[in-house]
């Protein structure tokens, strides 16, 4: 009668691996004595609306769209709402039919909560607002895209 027996060393190796695995699991669970959680952090995105104007005066009527002929001077601003308090850079880019057409005009400001009106200038103030009409000498559908980067 020929019976095959497994070598005893293979049996011991499997047993040893099982014992190590179970011990490791117990050690991981034993190391966690308590778990603590912080309060919730709510992250919101600021809202905003780009508006346009032909006369570039702060007290004139700004609108969400314009219908003009090529070469007409026109200006843009953004009303940013629900802002946090942080320094940001706004990148103003002219688009023609949704495709970027210009190098960005960069505005660096510090938001301080609430609503803020920002013009396409280096500092965001009204004076020297950028004339987008100088870049719209051909017909088409243009718009200004404003990216807010923190």
N, C-alpha and C. Protein backbone atom coordinates (compact mmCIF):
# COMPACT_ATOMS: atom_id res chain seq x y z
N UNK A 1 0.83 -1.15 0.00
CA UNK A 1 0.00 0.00 0.00
C UNK A 1 0.89 1.24 0.00
N UNK A 2 0.67 2.03 -0.99
CA UNK A 2 1.51 3.22 -1.14
C UNK A 2 0.68 4.45 -0.82
N UNK A 3 0.94 5.06 0.26
CA UNK A 3 0.21 6.30 0.62
C UNK A 3 1.16 7.47 0.50
N UNK A 4 0.68 8.50 -0.14
CA UNK A 4 1.52 9.69 -0.25
C UNK A 4 1.17 10.63 0.90
N UNK A 5 2.20 11.06 1.48
CA UNK A 5 2.02 12.00 2.58
C UNK A 5 2.66 13.33 2.20
N UNK A 6 2.00 14.35 2.58
CA UNK A 6 2.59 15.67 2.36
C UNK A 6 3.76 15.85 3.30
N UNK A 7 4.72 16.52 2.82
CA UNK A 7 5.83 16.79 3.74
C UNK A 7 5.34 17.67 4.89
N UNK A 8 5.83 17.37 6.02
CA UNK A 8 5.41 18.09 7.21
C UNK A 8 5.79 19.57 7.14
N UNK A 9 6.85 19.89 6.45
CA UNK A 9 7.28 21.29 6.35
C UNK A 9 6.27 22.13 5.57
N UNK A 10 5.62 21.58 4.54
CA UNK A 10 4.60 22.32 3.79
C UNK A 10 3.40 22.62 4.67
N UNK A 11 3.00 21.66 5.47
CA UNK A 11 1.88 21.85 6.38
C UNK A 11 2.21 22.94 7.40
N UNK A 12 3.42 22.93 7.92
CA UNK A 12 3.83 23.94 8.89
C UNK A 12 3.89 25.32 8.26
N UNK A 13 4.31 25.40 7.00
CA UNK A 13 4.40 26.69 6.31
C UNK A 13 3.02 27.29 6.14
N UNK A 14 2.04 26.49 5.73
CA UNK A 14 0.67 26.98 5.55
C UNK A 14 0.10 27.41 6.88
N UNK A 15 0.32 26.65 7.91
CA UNK A 15 -0.16 26.99 9.25
C UNK A 15 0.47 28.29 9.73
N UNK A 16 1.75 28.43 9.52
CA UNK A 16 2.46 29.63 9.96
C UNK A 16 1.94 30.88 9.23
N UNK A 17 1.71 30.78 7.93
CA UNK A 17 1.18 31.91 7.16
C UNK A 17 -0.21 32.29 7.67
N UNK A 18 -1.04 31.31 7.97
CA UNK A 18 -2.39 31.58 8.50
C UNK A 18 -2.31 32.29 9.84
N UNK A 19 -1.45 31.82 10.71
CA UNK A 19 -1.31 32.43 12.03
C UNK A 19 -0.82 33.88 11.90
N UNK A 20 0.14 34.12 11.00
CA UNK A 20 0.65 35.49 10.82
C UNK A 20 -0.45 36.40 10.28
N UNK A 21 -1.23 35.92 9.33
CA UNK A 21 -2.31 36.73 8.75
C UNK A 21 -3.35 37.08 9.81
N UNK A 22 -3.78 36.13 10.59
CA UNK A 22 -4.78 36.39 11.63
C UNK A 22 -4.22 37.33 12.69
N UNK A 23 -2.98 37.14 13.09
CA UNK A 23 -2.35 38.00 14.09
C UNK A 23 -2.25 39.43 13.57
N UNK A 24 -1.90 39.59 12.31
CA UNK A 24 -1.79 40.93 11.72
C UNK A 24 -3.14 41.64 11.73
N UNK A 25 -4.20 40.93 11.40
CA UNK A 25 -5.54 41.52 11.42
C UNK A 25 -5.88 41.97 12.83
N UNK A 26 -5.62 41.15 13.82
CA UNK A 26 -5.92 41.53 15.20
C UNK A 26 -5.08 42.73 15.63
N UNK A 27 -3.83 42.79 15.19
CA UNK A 27 -2.97 43.92 15.57
C UNK A 27 -3.49 45.22 14.95
N UNK A 28 -3.97 45.17 13.71
CA UNK A 28 -4.51 46.37 13.07
C UNK A 28 -5.75 46.85 13.81
N UNK A 29 -6.65 45.94 14.13
CA UNK A 29 -7.86 46.33 14.85
C UNK A 29 -7.54 46.77 16.27
N UNK A 30 -6.57 46.19 16.90
CA UNK A 30 -6.22 46.55 18.26
C UNK A 30 -5.57 47.92 18.33
N UNK A 31 -4.94 48.38 17.24
CA UNK A 31 -4.25 49.66 17.25
C UNK A 31 -5.24 50.83 17.19
N UNK A 32 -6.43 50.64 16.68
CA UNK A 32 -7.42 51.71 16.59
C UNK A 32 -8.23 51.72 17.88
N UNK A 33 -7.96 52.71 18.71
CA UNK A 33 -8.67 52.82 19.98
C UNK A 33 -9.87 53.74 19.88
N UNK A 34 -9.79 54.73 19.00
CA UNK A 34 -10.90 55.67 18.85
C UNK A 34 -10.80 56.34 17.49
N UNK A 35 -11.91 56.85 17.01
CA UNK A 35 -11.95 57.59 15.75
C UNK A 35 -12.67 58.90 16.01
N UNK A 36 -12.08 59.99 15.53
CA UNK A 36 -12.66 61.32 15.73
C UNK A 36 -12.89 61.98 14.39
N UNK A 37 -13.97 62.74 14.28
CA UNK A 37 -14.31 63.44 13.05
C UNK A 37 -14.41 64.93 13.32
N UNK A 38 -13.92 65.73 12.38
CA UNK A 38 -14.08 67.18 12.47
C UNK A 38 -15.47 67.57 12.01
N UNK A 39 -15.80 68.83 12.24
CA UNK A 39 -17.08 69.35 11.75
C UNK A 39 -17.06 69.38 10.23
N UNK A 40 -18.23 69.45 9.63
CA UNK A 40 -18.33 69.48 8.17
C UNK A 40 -17.72 70.76 7.61
N UNK A 41 -17.12 70.65 6.45
CA UNK A 41 -16.59 71.79 5.72
C UNK A 41 -17.40 71.91 4.43
N UNK A 42 -18.08 73.03 4.27
CA UNK A 42 -18.89 73.25 3.08
C UNK A 42 -18.09 74.11 2.11
N UNK A 43 -17.89 73.61 0.91
CA UNK A 43 -17.14 74.32 -0.11
C UNK A 43 -18.13 74.76 -1.19
N UNK A 44 -18.16 76.05 -1.45
CA UNK A 44 -19.07 76.56 -2.47
C UNK A 44 -18.28 77.31 -3.53
N UNK A 45 -18.85 77.37 -4.68
CA UNK A 45 -18.23 78.07 -5.80
C UNK A 45 -18.89 79.43 -5.92
N UNK A 46 -18.11 80.49 -6.17
CA UNK A 46 -18.76 81.79 -6.33
C UNK A 46 -19.61 81.81 -7.60
N UNK A 47 -20.67 82.58 -7.56
CA UNK A 47 -21.48 82.78 -8.76
C UNK A 47 -20.98 84.01 -9.49
N UNK A 48 -21.45 84.20 -10.69
CA UNK A 48 -21.00 85.38 -11.41
C UNK A 48 -21.76 85.56 -12.70
N UNK A 49 -21.79 86.79 -13.17
CA UNK A 49 -22.43 87.12 -14.44
C UNK A 49 -21.61 88.19 -15.14
N UNK A 50 -21.22 87.90 -16.39
CA UNK A 50 -20.49 88.87 -17.20
C UNK A 50 -21.50 89.80 -17.86
N UNK A 51 -21.20 91.09 -17.81
CA UNK A 51 -22.08 92.10 -18.42
C UNK A 51 -21.27 92.98 -19.36
N UNK A 52 -21.97 93.59 -20.33
CA UNK A 52 -21.32 94.40 -21.35
C UNK A 52 -21.90 95.81 -21.37
N UNK A 53 -21.10 96.73 -21.92
CA UNK A 53 -21.52 98.13 -21.99
C UNK A 53 -20.81 98.79 -23.17
N UNK A 54 -21.49 99.71 -23.85
CA UNK A 54 -20.87 100.43 -24.97
C UNK A 54 -20.15 101.70 -24.53
N UNK A 55 -20.65 102.35 -23.49
CA UNK A 55 -20.08 103.65 -23.11
C UNK A 55 -19.07 103.56 -21.98
N UNK A 56 -18.96 102.42 -21.33
CA UNK A 56 -17.99 102.19 -20.26
C UNK A 56 -18.10 103.22 -19.14
N UNK A 57 -19.30 103.51 -18.73
CA UNK A 57 -19.49 104.34 -17.55
C UNK A 57 -20.13 103.48 -16.47
N UNK A 58 -19.68 103.64 -15.27
CA UNK A 58 -20.14 102.76 -14.20
C UNK A 58 -21.62 102.93 -13.89
N UNK A 59 -22.18 104.11 -14.16
CA UNK A 59 -23.58 104.32 -13.82
C UNK A 59 -24.52 104.10 -15.01
N UNK A 60 -24.00 103.72 -16.19
CA UNK A 60 -24.87 103.44 -17.34
C UNK A 60 -25.38 102.01 -17.25
N UNK A 61 -26.23 101.66 -18.17
CA UNK A 61 -26.88 100.35 -18.14
C UNK A 61 -25.97 99.26 -18.69
N UNK A 62 -25.58 98.31 -17.84
CA UNK A 62 -24.80 97.15 -18.26
C UNK A 62 -25.78 96.03 -18.58
N UNK A 63 -25.47 95.23 -19.60
CA UNK A 63 -26.39 94.22 -20.07
C UNK A 63 -25.67 92.89 -20.28
N UNK A 64 -26.45 91.82 -20.37
CA UNK A 64 -25.89 90.49 -20.57
C UNK A 64 -25.51 90.18 -22.00
N UNK A 65 -25.97 90.98 -22.97
CA UNK A 65 -25.62 90.75 -24.37
C UNK A 65 -25.66 92.07 -25.14
N UNK A 66 -24.97 92.09 -26.25
CA UNK A 66 -24.94 93.26 -27.13
C UNK A 66 -25.16 92.81 -28.57
N UNK A 67 -25.67 93.74 -29.38
CA UNK A 67 -25.77 93.52 -30.83
C UNK A 67 -25.20 94.78 -31.47
N UNK A 68 -23.98 94.66 -32.01
CA UNK A 68 -23.26 95.83 -32.52
C UNK A 68 -22.63 95.51 -33.87
N UNK A 69 -22.07 96.53 -34.53
CA UNK A 69 -21.34 96.29 -35.77
C UNK A 69 -19.85 96.17 -35.44
N UNK A 70 -19.09 95.54 -36.35
CA UNK A 70 -17.67 95.31 -36.09
C UNK A 70 -16.94 96.64 -35.91
N UNK A 71 -15.96 96.61 -35.01
CA UNK A 71 -15.16 97.79 -34.72
C UNK A 71 -15.73 98.70 -33.66
N UNK A 72 -16.95 98.46 -33.19
CA UNK A 72 -17.56 99.28 -32.14
C UNK A 72 -16.86 99.00 -30.82
N UNK A 73 -16.57 100.05 -30.06
CA UNK A 73 -15.97 99.88 -28.74
C UNK A 73 -17.00 99.27 -27.79
N UNK A 74 -16.57 98.26 -27.03
CA UNK A 74 -17.43 97.69 -26.01
C UNK A 74 -16.57 97.15 -24.87
N UNK A 75 -17.18 97.06 -23.70
CA UNK A 75 -16.45 96.78 -22.47
C UNK A 75 -17.16 95.68 -21.69
N UNK A 76 -16.43 95.07 -20.76
CA UNK A 76 -17.01 93.98 -19.97
C UNK A 76 -16.69 94.18 -18.49
N UNK A 77 -17.53 93.61 -17.67
CA UNK A 77 -17.30 93.53 -16.23
C UNK A 77 -17.95 92.25 -15.74
N UNK A 78 -17.63 91.84 -14.53
CA UNK A 78 -18.27 90.67 -13.94
C UNK A 78 -18.75 91.04 -12.54
N UNK A 79 -19.92 90.57 -12.21
CA UNK A 79 -20.43 90.66 -10.84
C UNK A 79 -20.25 89.29 -10.22
N UNK A 80 -19.33 89.21 -9.26
CA UNK A 80 -19.06 87.95 -8.58
C UNK A 80 -19.85 87.95 -7.28
N UNK A 81 -20.63 86.88 -7.05
CA UNK A 81 -21.46 86.80 -5.85
C UNK A 81 -21.03 85.64 -4.97
N UNK A 82 -21.43 85.70 -3.72
CA UNK A 82 -21.13 84.64 -2.74
C UNK A 82 -19.65 84.31 -2.67
N UNK A 83 -18.83 85.33 -2.57
CA UNK A 83 -17.39 85.09 -2.57
C UNK A 83 -16.89 84.81 -1.17
N UNK A 84 -15.81 84.10 -1.10
CA UNK A 84 -15.10 83.91 0.16
C UNK A 84 -14.11 85.05 0.31
N UNK A 85 -13.21 84.90 1.24
CA UNK A 85 -12.17 85.91 1.44
C UNK A 85 -10.83 85.31 1.04
N UNK A 86 -10.37 85.68 -0.17
CA UNK A 86 -9.09 85.17 -0.64
C UNK A 86 -8.62 85.98 -1.83
N UNK A 87 -7.32 85.91 -2.09
CA UNK A 87 -6.74 86.56 -3.26
C UNK A 87 -7.01 85.69 -4.48
N UNK A 88 -7.43 86.31 -5.58
CA UNK A 88 -7.71 85.57 -6.81
C UNK A 88 -7.16 86.34 -8.01
N UNK A 89 -6.98 85.61 -9.09
CA UNK A 89 -6.65 86.21 -10.38
C UNK A 89 -7.77 85.88 -11.34
N UNK A 90 -8.30 86.89 -11.99
CA UNK A 90 -9.32 86.69 -13.02
C UNK A 90 -8.62 86.78 -14.37
N UNK A 91 -8.90 85.81 -15.22
CA UNK A 91 -8.36 85.80 -16.59
C UNK A 91 -9.51 86.09 -17.54
N UNK A 92 -9.44 87.20 -18.21
CA UNK A 92 -10.45 87.64 -19.17
C UNK A 92 -9.96 87.24 -20.56
N UNK A 93 -10.77 86.47 -21.30
CA UNK A 93 -10.36 85.99 -22.61
C UNK A 93 -11.52 86.20 -23.59
N UNK A 94 -11.23 86.82 -24.72
CA UNK A 94 -12.23 86.99 -25.76
C UNK A 94 -12.39 85.68 -26.53
N UNK A 95 -13.63 85.29 -26.76
CA UNK A 95 -13.92 84.10 -27.55
C UNK A 95 -14.75 84.47 -28.76
N UNK A 96 -14.50 83.78 -29.87
CA UNK A 96 -15.30 83.89 -31.09
C UNK A 96 -15.90 82.52 -31.33
N UNK A 97 -17.22 82.43 -31.26
CA UNK A 97 -17.93 81.15 -31.41
C UNK A 97 -17.38 80.08 -30.46
N UNK A 98 -17.05 80.48 -29.23
CA UNK A 98 -16.59 79.55 -28.20
C UNK A 98 -15.12 79.19 -28.24
N UNK A 99 -14.35 79.80 -29.16
CA UNK A 99 -12.91 79.51 -29.28
C UNK A 99 -12.13 80.73 -28.81
N UNK A 100 -11.14 80.52 -27.92
CA UNK A 100 -10.32 81.61 -27.41
C UNK A 100 -9.65 82.36 -28.56
N UNK A 101 -9.70 83.71 -28.49
CA UNK A 101 -9.14 84.55 -29.55
C UNK A 101 -8.06 85.51 -29.08
N UNK A 102 -7.94 85.69 -27.77
CA UNK A 102 -7.03 86.73 -27.29
C UNK A 102 -6.12 86.20 -26.20
N UNK A 103 -5.04 86.94 -25.98
CA UNK A 103 -4.26 86.71 -24.77
C UNK A 103 -5.09 87.23 -23.61
N UNK A 104 -4.97 86.60 -22.46
CA UNK A 104 -5.82 87.04 -21.34
C UNK A 104 -5.44 88.41 -20.80
N UNK A 105 -6.45 89.12 -20.35
CA UNK A 105 -6.26 90.31 -19.53
C UNK A 105 -6.36 89.79 -18.10
N UNK A 106 -5.35 89.99 -17.28
CA UNK A 106 -5.34 89.44 -15.92
C UNK A 106 -5.66 90.52 -14.91
N UNK A 107 -6.55 90.18 -13.98
CA UNK A 107 -6.93 91.07 -12.89
C UNK A 107 -6.61 90.35 -11.59
N UNK A 108 -5.86 91.00 -10.71
CA UNK A 108 -5.54 90.42 -9.41
C UNK A 108 -6.24 91.24 -8.33
N UNK A 109 -7.10 90.56 -7.57
CA UNK A 109 -7.87 91.24 -6.52
C UNK A 109 -7.95 90.33 -5.30
N UNK A 110 -8.44 90.87 -4.21
CA UNK A 110 -8.74 90.09 -3.02
C UNK A 110 -10.24 90.16 -2.79
N UNK A 111 -10.88 89.01 -2.82
CA UNK A 111 -12.31 88.94 -2.53
C UNK A 111 -12.48 89.01 -1.02
N UNK A 112 -13.56 89.62 -0.59
CA UNK A 112 -13.76 89.76 0.86
C UNK A 112 -15.18 89.42 1.27
N UNK A 113 -15.83 88.54 0.53
CA UNK A 113 -17.19 88.14 0.87
C UNK A 113 -18.20 89.04 0.20
N UNK A 114 -19.41 88.52 0.04
CA UNK A 114 -20.47 89.31 -0.57
C UNK A 114 -20.35 89.40 -2.07
N UNK A 115 -20.90 90.48 -2.64
CA UNK A 115 -20.89 90.69 -4.09
C UNK A 115 -19.82 91.71 -4.45
N UNK A 116 -19.14 91.45 -5.56
CA UNK A 116 -18.07 92.34 -6.00
C UNK A 116 -18.19 92.54 -7.50
N UNK A 117 -18.16 93.79 -7.95
CA UNK A 117 -18.12 94.11 -9.38
C UNK A 117 -16.67 94.35 -9.76
N UNK A 118 -16.20 93.62 -10.78
CA UNK A 118 -14.80 93.68 -11.20
C UNK A 118 -14.76 93.99 -12.69
N UNK A 119 -13.90 94.93 -13.06
CA UNK A 119 -13.74 95.33 -14.46
C UNK A 119 -12.48 94.70 -15.03
N UNK A 120 -12.39 94.62 -16.37
CA UNK A 120 -11.27 93.99 -17.05
C UNK A 120 -10.05 94.91 -17.07
N UNK A 121 -9.49 95.12 -15.89
CA UNK A 121 -8.27 95.92 -15.73
C UNK A 121 -7.33 95.14 -14.82
N UNK A 122 -6.11 95.60 -14.70
CA UNK A 122 -5.14 94.91 -13.85
C UNK A 122 -5.56 94.82 -12.40
N UNK A 123 -6.24 95.86 -11.91
CA UNK A 123 -6.64 95.89 -10.51
C UNK A 123 -8.13 95.65 -10.31
N UNK A 124 -8.90 95.59 -11.39
CA UNK A 124 -10.33 95.35 -11.30
C UNK A 124 -11.17 96.59 -11.09
N UNK A 125 -10.52 97.76 -10.97
CA UNK A 125 -11.28 99.00 -10.79
C UNK A 125 -11.76 99.52 -12.14
N UNK A 126 -12.69 100.43 -12.11
CA UNK A 126 -13.39 100.89 -13.32
C UNK A 126 -12.47 101.59 -14.33
N UNK A 127 -11.58 102.44 -13.88
CA UNK A 127 -10.77 103.21 -14.83
C UNK A 127 -9.91 102.28 -15.68
N UNK A 128 -9.74 102.64 -16.93
CA UNK A 128 -8.95 101.87 -17.91
C UNK A 128 -9.55 100.51 -18.25
N UNK A 129 -10.87 100.37 -18.16
CA UNK A 129 -11.51 99.10 -18.52
C UNK A 129 -11.15 98.76 -19.96
N UNK A 130 -10.88 97.49 -20.23
CA UNK A 130 -10.38 97.04 -21.53
C UNK A 130 -11.45 97.17 -22.62
N UNK A 131 -11.08 97.73 -23.77
CA UNK A 131 -11.97 97.88 -24.92
C UNK A 131 -11.87 96.62 -25.78
N UNK A 132 -12.85 95.75 -25.70
CA UNK A 132 -12.85 94.51 -26.47
C UNK A 132 -13.13 94.76 -27.94
N UNK A 133 -13.70 95.90 -28.29
CA UNK A 133 -14.00 96.24 -29.67
C UNK A 133 -12.76 96.29 -30.56
N UNK A 134 -11.61 96.58 -29.98
CA UNK A 134 -10.39 96.63 -30.77
C UNK A 134 -9.99 95.25 -31.30
N UNK A 135 -10.59 94.19 -30.73
CA UNK A 135 -10.30 92.82 -31.19
C UNK A 135 -11.44 92.22 -32.01
N UNK A 136 -12.52 92.97 -32.19
CA UNK A 136 -13.69 92.43 -32.90
C UNK A 136 -13.92 93.21 -34.19
N UNK A 137 -12.93 93.19 -35.07
CA UNK A 137 -13.04 93.95 -36.32
C UNK A 137 -13.74 93.15 -37.42
N UNK A 138 -13.97 91.85 -37.21
CA UNK A 138 -14.72 91.05 -38.18
C UNK A 138 -16.02 90.59 -37.53
N UNK A 139 -17.01 90.28 -38.36
CA UNK A 139 -18.30 89.84 -37.84
C UNK A 139 -18.19 88.46 -37.20
N UNK A 140 -19.13 88.14 -36.34
CA UNK A 140 -19.16 86.85 -35.66
C UNK A 140 -19.84 86.97 -34.31
N UNK A 141 -19.90 85.87 -33.61
CA UNK A 141 -20.50 85.84 -32.27
C UNK A 141 -19.38 85.78 -31.24
N UNK A 142 -19.20 86.87 -30.53
CA UNK A 142 -18.13 87.01 -29.54
C UNK A 142 -18.71 86.95 -28.13
N UNK A 143 -17.84 86.62 -27.19
CA UNK A 143 -18.17 86.73 -25.77
C UNK A 143 -16.87 86.81 -24.99
N UNK A 144 -16.97 87.26 -23.75
CA UNK A 144 -15.82 87.31 -22.87
C UNK A 144 -15.96 86.20 -21.84
N UNK A 145 -14.93 85.38 -21.74
CA UNK A 145 -14.87 84.31 -20.74
C UNK A 145 -14.00 84.82 -19.59
N UNK A 146 -14.48 84.62 -18.35
CA UNK A 146 -13.72 85.02 -17.18
C UNK A 146 -13.46 83.81 -16.31
N UNK A 147 -12.19 83.48 -16.10
CA UNK A 147 -11.79 82.38 -15.22
C UNK A 147 -11.34 82.96 -13.89
N UNK A 148 -11.86 82.43 -12.80
CA UNK A 148 -11.46 82.89 -11.47
C UNK A 148 -10.54 81.83 -10.89
N UNK A 149 -9.29 82.19 -10.67
CA UNK A 149 -8.29 81.25 -10.15
C UNK A 149 -7.80 81.71 -8.78
N UNK A 150 -7.84 80.77 -7.82
CA UNK A 150 -7.42 81.10 -6.46
C UNK A 150 -5.98 80.80 -6.21
